[in-house]
Amino acid sequence: METKKVLTRQNEPTSELHGSVRKRFKGVELEYTEVYYLDHEVDEDTGMINKNKLVKHYTRNQMDRNLKALKNAYHIAKGAADPIEIVNYRNKYNIPASTFSLILGFSKNTISNIENEGITSLSTGRLIKVCMNDKSILYQYIQLCDFLDNQKKKELSERLMEESI
């Protein structure tokens, strides 16, 4: 993975860093990866820069990404499917992201967006998790999907039920 560069307050490029963080959010202990960069410590009262000490700083983009990571970790802790779990499930049963989205009643790109950007809502994440944990529910969704022809429904159903036999 390519390391992103960030400019310090002296306009010097520095690497974006990643670190594991533990936080309590809405009463739940969470662990997720945050992104940041190191720059000199600044005394907020005086504005003086301490060039002997480097501390974590965040760009606006990094703060947004960190908030998404926190929210995603919270959703997973509350029962939503992990994006990696979704990818593995789709790969195991050879279901394209767009097809999985349509089967579950989402817009065509929803699953792909979740896999790339994280869970957007707890209810969506929980529905996906329930369907992945109980293939009979997903089987019913396949049969009810108007966007699949009968042959595609049969193929997907057989792939899902193969392992159950």
Protein backbone atom coordinates (compact mmCIF):
# COMPACT_ATOMS: atom_id res chain seq x y z
CA MET A 1 0.00 0.00 0.00
CA GLU A 2 1.38 3.40 -0.99
CA THR A 3 2.09 5.76 1.89
CA LYS A 4 0.29 9.09 1.57
CA LYS A 5 2.22 12.28 2.13
CA VAL A 6 1.00 15.21 4.23
CA LEU A 7 2.50 18.71 4.48
CA THR A 8 3.54 19.91 7.93
CA ARG A 9 3.06 23.52 9.01
CA GLN A 10 6.54 24.24 7.56
CA ASN A 11 5.34 22.84 4.21
CA GLU A 12 7.61 19.83 4.56
CA PRO A 13 6.25 16.51 3.33
CA THR A 14 5.79 13.82 5.95
CA SER A 15 4.24 10.37 5.82
CA GLU A 16 0.69 9.65 6.85
CA LEU A 17 0.82 7.19 9.73
CA HIS A 18 -1.64 4.54 10.92
CA GLY A 19 -2.20 3.37 14.46
CA SER A 20 -4.61 1.24 16.41
CA VAL A 21 -6.84 3.20 18.80
CA ARG A 22 -9.11 2.06 21.61
CA LYS A 23 -12.03 4.34 22.43
CA ARG A 24 -15.30 4.16 24.29
CA PHE A 25 -18.14 5.34 22.05
CA LYS A 26 -21.79 5.30 23.14
CA GLY A 27 -20.84 2.99 25.99
CA VAL A 28 -19.06 0.47 23.74
CA GLU A 29 -15.31 -0.19 23.88
CA LEU A 30 -14.03 -0.07 20.28
CA GLU A 31 -10.74 -0.61 18.51
CA TYR A 32 -10.06 0.73 15.03
CA THR A 33 -7.22 2.11 12.93
CA GLU A 34 -6.82 5.87 12.76
CA VAL A 35 -4.67 7.94 10.40
CA TYR A 36 -2.57 10.96 11.43
CA TYR A 37 0.74 12.69 10.85
CA LEU A 38 3.43 13.88 13.22
CA ASP A 39 4.34 17.53 13.57
CA HIS A 40 5.83 19.75 16.25
CA GLU A 41 3.81 20.37 19.38
CA VAL A 42 2.06 23.75 19.57
CA ASP A 43 1.04 25.44 22.81
CA GLU A 44 -2.56 26.43 22.04
CA ASP A 45 -2.48 29.33 24.54
CA THR A 46 0.72 31.00 23.36
CA GLY A 47 1.07 29.66 19.80
CA MET A 48 4.67 28.70 20.58
CA ILE A 49 6.05 25.73 18.66
CA ASN A 50 8.06 23.14 20.59
CA LYS A 51 10.50 21.83 17.98
CA ASN A 52 11.75 19.16 20.40
CA LYS A 53 8.48 17.24 20.56
CA LEU A 54 6.45 15.61 17.78
CA VAL A 55 2.76 14.90 18.41
CA LYS A 56 -0.20 13.59 16.42
CA HIS A 57 -1.99 16.03 14.14
CA TYR A 58 -4.88 15.45 11.76
CA THR A 59 -5.85 16.95 8.42
CA ARG A 60 -9.55 17.51 7.73
CA ASN A 61 -9.53 14.48 5.43
CA GLN A 62 -7.89 12.35 8.12
CA MET A 63 -10.47 13.46 10.70
CA ASP A 64 -13.27 12.50 8.32
CA ARG A 65 -11.70 9.10 7.67
CA ASN A 66 -11.13 8.54 11.39
CA LEU A 67 -14.77 9.37 12.16
CA LYS A 68 -15.89 6.91 9.47
CA ALA A 69 -13.62 4.24 10.95
CA LEU A 70 -15.03 4.88 14.44
CA LYS A 71 -18.60 4.74 13.15
CA ASN A 72 -17.85 1.56 11.19
CA ALA A 73 -16.30 -0.09 14.27
CA TYR A 74 -19.38 0.88 16.30
CA HIS A 75 -21.76 -0.58 13.72
CA ILE A 76 -19.79 -3.83 13.61
CA ALA A 77 -19.78 -4.03 17.42
CA LYS A 78 -23.57 -3.57 17.36
CA GLY A 79 -24.13 -6.46 14.94
CA ALA A 80 -23.48 -5.09 11.45
CA ALA A 81 -21.48 -7.06 8.90
CA ASP A 82 -17.81 -6.14 8.57
CA PRO A 83 -16.97 -4.98 5.00
CA ILE A 84 -14.20 -7.61 4.80
CA GLU A 85 -16.72 -10.25 5.87
CA ILE A 86 -19.01 -9.16 3.01
CA VAL A 87 -16.19 -9.40 0.46
CA ASN A 88 -15.23 -12.89 1.70
CA TYR A 89 -18.84 -14.06 1.60
CA ARG A 90 -19.39 -12.78 -1.92
CA ASN A 91 -16.15 -14.37 -3.09
CA LYS A 92 -17.02 -17.69 -1.44
CA TYR A 93 -20.35 -17.87 -3.28
CA ASN A 94 -19.19 -16.00 -6.39
CA ILE A 95 -21.80 -13.24 -6.11
CA PRO A 96 -20.92 -9.89 -7.76
CA ALA A 97 -21.34 -6.84 -5.50
CA SER A 98 -23.98 -5.30 -7.78
CA THR A 99 -26.00 -8.53 -7.81
CA PHE A 100 -25.78 -8.88 -4.02
CA SER A 101 -26.99 -5.27 -3.71
CA LEU A 102 -30.00 -5.89 -5.94
CA ILE A 103 -30.89 -9.16 -4.19
CA LEU A 104 -31.05 -7.35 -0.85
CA GLY A 105 -33.13 -4.53 -2.30
CA PHE A 106 -30.41 -1.88 -2.31
CA SER A 107 -29.27 0.29 -5.18
CA LYS A 108 -26.78 -1.37 -7.52
CA ASN A 109 -23.65 0.19 -5.94
CA THR A 110 -24.54 -0.08 -2.23
CA ILE A 111 -22.54 -3.23 -1.42
CA SER A 112 -19.51 -1.96 -3.35
CA ASN A 113 -19.69 1.35 -1.48
CA ILE A 114 -19.94 -0.44 1.88
CA GLU A 115 -16.95 -2.64 1.04
CA ASN A 116 -14.86 0.41 0.11
CA GLU A 117 -16.09 3.04 2.58
CA GLY A 118 -17.64 1.11 5.48
CA ILE A 119 -21.12 0.49 6.84
CA THR A 120 -23.32 3.55 6.36
CA SER A 121 -26.19 2.56 8.63
CA LEU A 122 -26.64 0.06 11.43
CA SER A 123 -29.88 -1.32 9.99
CA THR A 124 -28.28 -1.95 6.59
CA GLY A 125 -25.28 -3.65 8.17
CA ARG A 126 -27.47 -5.83 10.37
CA LEU A 127 -29.65 -6.91 7.45
CA ILE A 128 -26.57 -7.94 5.48
CA LYS A 129 -25.20 -9.84 8.50
CA VAL A 130 -28.50 -11.69 9.08
CA CYS A 131 -28.68 -12.69 5.42
CA MET A 132 -25.09 -13.92 5.42
CA ASN A 133 -25.61 -15.91 8.63
CA ASP A 134 -28.87 -17.53 7.50
CA LYS A 135 -28.72 -18.68 3.90
CA SER A 136 -32.43 -19.56 3.91
CA ILE A 137 -33.22 -15.85 4.30
CA LEU A 138 -30.87 -14.93 1.45
CA TYR A 139 -32.43 -17.74 -0.60
CA GLN A 140 -35.86 -16.11 -0.09
CA TYR A 141 -34.46 -12.72 -1.12
CA ILE A 142 -33.05 -14.31 -4.29
CA GLN A 143 -36.42 -15.83 -5.16
CA LEU A 144 -38.18 -12.47 -4.62
CA CYS A 145 -35.66 -10.40 -6.59
CA ASP A 146 -37.22 -8.90 -9.73
CA PHE A 147 -33.84 -8.00 -11.23
CA LEU A 148 -32.71 -11.62 -11.73
CA ASP A 149 -33.98 -13.98 -14.40
CA ASN A 150 -35.01 -17.51 -13.38
CA GLN A 151 -31.74 -19.06 -14.57
CA LYS A 152 -29.64 -16.66 -12.47
CA LYS A 153 -31.89 -17.27 -9.44
CA LYS A 154 -31.40 -21.02 -9.86
CA GLU A 155 -27.60 -20.71 -10.20
CA LEU A 156 -27.26 -18.50 -7.12
CA SER A 157 -29.61 -20.66 -5.07
CA GLU A 158 -27.68 -23.81 -5.96
CA ARG A 159 -24.36 -22.19 -5.00
CA LEU A 160 -25.76 -21.13 -1.65
CA MET A 161 -27.40 -24.43 -0.84
CA GLU A 162 -24.52 -26.66 -2.02
CA GLU A 163 -22.72 -26.27 1.29
CA SER A 164 -25.88 -26.90 3.32
CA ILE A 165 -26.39 -30.37 1.89
